[in-house]
Amino acid sequence: MGPHPARLGTDLRGQGVKKVLVIVAVVLGVLVVLGVVGDRVGAAAAERTISERVSAELSGATGVETRIHGVPVLTQVAKGSLDHVTVTAAEVPAQGVTLDDVTVELYGVSTSSPRTADSVQATASVTTQQLQARLGNGWTVKVDGDALVASTSALGLLSVEARVIPAVTDGRLRLDLDRVSVLGVDVSGDAVPAAVHERIDSLVGSLGALPLGLSLTDATVTPTGVTLVASGSDVALG
């Protein structure tokens, strides 16, 4: 029996990214008044309004900033779309975890109804501390190269270590059990304790459809955890 595959059930699929995109769409309406104020002054007002609304809608979000790229912005408004809008947040609490270093990049954003974006890319990081908390008491999670290592001595008298590797297939994230050791001896198949599968499966599950048709495209293990990337084309912002 080979490595046990599972699918990550992170809260990136929650309402956070969707709310950011919808807020951007609504607030872009203020750009229509840019003709009566200075170009950068008007853009700065729109950026500030987007950031304030994102912070208000996503309770607990910190460090929210917005940037409308390119100058003059008035020229972009006149042609009916903004080349590039970036919304970032240091932290966004979600159900069960806190997402770190959240970035939403929107390209070709229409300034009138229907509000759409030619393309959207969203990234967020989940730290090892967040993953460890999801596994429960007695477990630790650390980074080992391109993998995560979850270990515990809480399963009876057994010391168990599981090495998992994230991968993306057909827009879904898997966490594959690469290696499991019990008391320092590698085991596989039916020899892997059922409790290990249960704990890993409690951390993972079906990712399901991301908001607004976004699709998961990449998962990278970093020194602090896992960074997820999702993207979409011809996105309706609501």
Protein backbone atom coordinates (compact mmCIF):
# COMPACT_ATOMS: atom_id res chain seq x y z
CA MET A 1 0.00 0.00 0.00
CA GLY A 2 1.52 3.32 -1.08
CA PRO A 3 1.57 6.74 0.55
CA HIS A 4 -1.75 7.98 1.84
CA PRO A 5 -3.03 10.98 -0.15
CA ALA A 6 -5.41 13.53 1.35
CA ARG A 7 -6.83 16.90 0.39
CA LEU A 8 -6.29 20.05 2.39
CA GLY A 9 -9.34 21.66 3.99
CA THR A 10 -7.95 25.12 4.74
CA ASP A 11 -10.07 28.16 5.35
CA LEU A 12 -8.72 29.86 2.25
CA ARG A 13 -12.02 28.64 0.78
CA GLY A 14 -13.83 30.81 3.38
CA GLN A 15 -15.42 34.14 2.70
CA GLY A 16 -12.27 36.23 3.22
CA VAL A 17 -11.01 36.40 -0.37
CA LYS A 18 -14.54 36.75 -1.73
CA LYS A 19 -15.26 39.68 0.59
CA VAL A 20 -12.07 41.43 -0.48
CA LEU A 21 -13.00 41.14 -4.16
CA VAL A 22 -16.59 42.29 -3.66
CA ILE A 23 -15.46 45.27 -1.56
CA VAL A 24 -13.00 46.28 -4.26
CA ALA A 25 -15.76 46.09 -6.85
CA VAL A 26 -18.13 48.28 -4.84
CA VAL A 27 -15.58 50.89 -3.83
CA LEU A 28 -14.33 51.27 -7.38
CA GLY A 29 -17.48 53.27 -7.90
CA VAL A 30 -15.86 56.17 -6.06
CA LEU A 31 -13.30 56.43 -8.83
CA VAL A 32 -15.95 58.01 -11.01
CA VAL A 33 -15.53 61.22 -8.98
CA LEU A 34 -11.80 61.38 -9.67
CA GLY A 35 -12.48 63.93 -12.37
CA VAL A 36 -13.17 66.59 -9.76
CA VAL A 37 -10.09 65.99 -7.63
CA GLY A 38 -6.39 65.43 -8.18
CA ASP A 39 -5.47 62.12 -9.77
CA ARG A 40 -3.32 60.72 -6.96
CA VAL A 41 -5.48 62.34 -4.27
CA GLY A 42 -8.56 60.61 -5.65
CA ALA A 43 -6.75 57.31 -6.02
CA ALA A 44 -5.46 57.56 -2.45
CA ALA A 45 -9.01 58.20 -1.21
CA ALA A 46 -10.24 55.11 -3.04
CA GLU A 47 -7.36 53.03 -1.67
CA ARG A 48 -8.08 54.20 1.87
CA THR A 49 -11.80 53.44 1.52
CA ILE A 50 -11.14 49.92 0.22
CA SER A 51 -8.71 49.23 3.08
CA GLU A 52 -11.14 50.53 5.70
CA ARG A 53 -14.02 48.46 4.37
CA VAL A 54 -11.91 45.30 4.13
CA SER A 55 -10.78 45.81 7.75
CA ALA A 56 -14.39 46.34 8.86
CA GLU A 57 -15.76 43.32 6.98
CA LEU A 58 -12.96 40.93 7.95
CA SER A 59 -13.06 41.19 11.75
CA GLY A 60 -9.58 40.97 13.21
CA ALA A 61 -7.75 41.58 9.94
CA THR A 62 -4.57 43.58 10.50
CA GLY A 63 -2.28 45.62 8.31
CA VAL A 64 -4.76 46.01 5.44
CA GLU A 65 -3.41 48.12 2.58
CA THR A 66 -4.59 48.84 -0.96
CA ARG A 67 -2.66 50.08 -3.98
CA ILE A 68 -4.07 51.17 -7.32
CA HIS A 69 -1.14 50.87 -9.70
CA GLY A 70 -0.31 53.01 -12.69
CA VAL A 71 -0.65 56.69 -13.46
CA PRO A 72 -2.60 58.57 -14.38
CA VAL A 73 -5.49 56.73 -12.76
CA LEU A 74 -7.96 59.08 -14.46
CA THR A 75 -6.87 57.76 -17.83
CA GLN A 76 -7.53 54.21 -16.68
CA VAL A 77 -10.97 55.21 -15.39
CA ALA A 78 -11.75 56.91 -18.69
CA LYS A 79 -11.01 53.72 -20.63
CA GLY A 80 -13.25 51.74 -18.29
CA SER A 81 -10.79 49.56 -16.37
CA LEU A 82 -7.89 49.71 -13.93
CA ASP A 83 -4.72 47.94 -14.95
CA HIS A 84 -3.80 46.56 -11.53
CA VAL A 85 -5.15 46.74 -7.96
CA THR A 86 -3.44 45.09 -4.97
CA VAL A 87 -5.02 44.43 -1.56
CA THR A 88 -2.78 43.01 1.19
CA ALA A 89 -3.24 42.10 4.86
CA ALA A 90 -0.75 40.96 7.47
CA GLU A 91 -3.30 38.64 9.12
CA VAL A 92 -6.86 37.56 8.34
CA PRO A 93 -8.61 35.38 10.95
CA ALA A 94 -10.64 32.59 9.36
CA GLN A 95 -12.63 29.72 10.78
CA GLY A 96 -10.11 27.59 12.64
CA VAL A 97 -6.92 29.27 11.41
CA THR A 98 -5.38 32.68 10.83
CA LEU A 99 -4.12 33.36 7.32
CA ASP A 100 -0.87 35.34 7.14
CA ASP A 101 0.59 37.53 4.40
CA VAL A 102 -2.64 37.62 2.39
CA THR A 103 -2.30 39.27 -1.04
CA VAL A 104 -5.01 39.68 -3.67
CA GLU A 105 -3.87 40.95 -7.08
CA LEU A 106 -6.55 42.08 -9.53
CA TYR A 107 -5.79 42.89 -13.17
CA GLY A 108 -8.02 44.59 -15.73
CA VAL A 109 -10.66 45.66 -13.19
CA SER A 110 -13.73 47.27 -14.75
CA THR A 111 -14.88 50.55 -13.22
CA SER A 112 -18.52 50.19 -14.22
CA SER A 113 -21.15 47.47 -14.05
CA PRO A 114 -20.80 44.58 -14.59
CA ARG A 115 -17.70 44.68 -12.39
CA THR A 116 -15.17 42.09 -13.50
CA ALA A 117 -11.44 41.41 -13.45
CA ASP A 118 -9.55 39.94 -16.36
CA SER A 119 -7.52 37.92 -13.87
CA VAL A 120 -7.12 37.51 -10.11
CA GLN A 121 -4.33 35.93 -8.10
CA ALA A 122 -4.55 35.36 -4.35
CA THR A 123 -1.86 34.11 -1.98
CA ALA A 124 -1.95 33.30 1.72
CA SER A 125 0.30 31.52 4.18
CA VAL A 126 -0.60 29.07 6.95
CA THR A 127 2.10 28.80 9.63
CA THR A 128 3.35 25.61 11.25
CA GLN A 129 1.91 26.94 14.52
CA GLN A 130 -1.55 27.10 12.95
CA LEU A 131 -1.21 23.56 11.56
CA GLN A 132 0.07 22.31 14.90
CA ALA A 133 -2.93 23.81 16.69
CA ARG A 134 -5.26 22.05 14.26
CA LEU A 135 -3.61 18.68 14.97
CA GLY A 136 -4.19 19.07 18.71
CA ASN A 137 -2.31 18.68 21.97
CA GLY A 138 0.82 16.57 21.94
CA TRP A 139 1.64 17.19 18.28
CA THR A 140 4.42 19.32 16.83
CA VAL A 141 4.85 20.45 13.23
CA LYS A 142 8.12 21.53 11.67
CA VAL A 143 9.49 22.18 8.19
CA ASP A 144 11.85 19.68 6.57
CA GLY A 145 12.93 20.94 3.16
CA ASP A 146 9.93 20.68 0.84
CA ALA A 147 7.89 18.75 3.40
CA LEU A 148 6.15 19.15 6.74
CA VAL A 149 6.92 16.77 9.60
CA ALA A 150 4.22 16.11 12.21
CA SER A 151 5.33 14.20 15.28
CA THR A 152 3.86 13.08 18.60
CA SER A 153 4.44 10.80 21.52
CA ALA A 154 0.81 11.08 22.61
CA LEU A 155 -0.42 7.94 20.82
CA GLY A 156 -0.22 5.56 23.76
CA LEU A 157 3.45 4.80 24.40
CA LEU A 158 4.41 5.18 20.72
CA SER A 159 6.59 7.92 19.29
CA VAL A 160 5.31 8.66 15.79
CA GLU A 161 6.61 10.93 13.04
CA ALA A 162 4.82 11.59 9.74
CA ARG A 163 6.42 13.41 6.81
CA VAL A 164 3.88 14.98 4.42
CA ILE A 165 4.43 16.74 1.09
CA PRO A 166 1.91 19.24 -0.34
CA ALA A 167 1.11 19.07 -4.04
CA VAL A 168 -1.52 20.54 -6.38
CA THR A 169 -3.37 18.35 -8.87
CA ASP A 170 -6.28 19.54 -11.01
CA GLY A 171 -6.75 22.63 -8.89
CA ARG A 172 -6.81 20.74 -5.59
CA LEU A 173 -4.22 20.55 -2.85
CA ARG A 174 -3.05 17.18 -1.56
CA LEU A 175 -0.96 16.36 1.47
CA ASP A 176 0.76 13.07 0.68
CA LEU A 177 2.15 10.90 3.45
CA ASP A 178 5.73 10.50 2.25
CA ARG A 179 7.09 8.59 5.23
CA VAL A 180 5.85 7.43 8.63
CA SER A 181 8.06 6.12 11.41
CA VAL A 182 7.05 4.48 14.70
CA LEU A 183 9.69 4.39 17.44
CA GLY A 184 12.22 5.43 14.78
CA VAL A 185 11.35 2.55 12.40
CA ASP A 186 9.78 3.34 9.01
CA VAL A 187 6.39 1.72 8.46
CA SER A 188 3.93 1.66 5.56
CA GLY A 189 0.55 0.31 4.55
CA ASP A 190 -1.45 -1.34 7.31
CA ALA A 191 1.46 -0.84 9.73
CA VAL A 192 0.78 2.89 9.83
CA PRO A 193 -1.25 3.52 13.02
CA ALA A 194 -4.88 4.39 12.30
CA ALA A 195 -4.54 7.35 14.66
CA VAL A 196 -1.96 8.89 12.30
CA HIS A 197 -4.40 8.74 9.39
CA GLU A 198 -7.12 10.16 11.61
CA ARG A 199 -4.99 13.09 12.72
CA ILE A 200 -3.74 13.90 9.23
CA ASP A 201 -7.28 13.57 7.87
CA SER A 202 -8.45 15.95 10.59
CA LEU A 203 -6.03 18.47 9.12
CA VAL A 204 -7.01 17.82 5.53
CA GLY A 205 -10.13 17.20 3.52
CA SER A 206 -11.78 18.29 0.31
CA LEU A 207 -10.81 21.85 -0.55
CA GLY A 208 -13.92 22.26 -2.67
CA ALA A 209 -14.59 25.21 -4.94
CA LEU A 210 -12.76 28.42 -4.15
CA PRO A 211 -14.67 31.72 -4.21
CA LEU A 212 -15.48 33.37 -7.55
CA GLY A 213 -14.18 30.45 -9.59
CA LEU A 214 -10.59 30.75 -8.40
CA SER A 215 -8.51 27.60 -8.73
CA LEU A 216 -5.60 26.50 -6.56
CA THR A 217 -2.41 26.60 -8.62
CA ASP A 218 0.52 26.15 -6.26
CA ALA A 219 1.53 25.12 -2.75
CA THR A 220 5.00 25.80 -1.43
CA VAL A 221 6.56 24.83 1.87
CA THR A 222 8.39 27.80 3.36
CA PRO A 223 10.54 28.11 6.50
CA THR A 224 7.40 29.16 8.42
CA GLY A 225 4.69 26.92 6.95
CA VAL A 226 2.84 26.60 3.64
CA THR A 227 2.03 29.29 1.09
CA LEU A 228 -1.01 28.71 -1.15
CA VAL A 229 -1.66 30.39 -4.50
CA ALA A 230 -5.02 30.55 -6.30
CA SER A 231 -5.96 32.27 -9.54
CA GLY A 232 -8.81 32.86 -11.94
CA SER A 233 -9.66 34.52 -15.26
CA ASP A 234 -12.68 36.62 -16.30
CA VAL A 235 -13.73 36.88 -12.66
CA ALA A 236 -17.13 38.42 -11.84
CA LEU A 237 -16.61 40.60 -8.77
CA GLY A 238 -20.26 41.00 -7.83
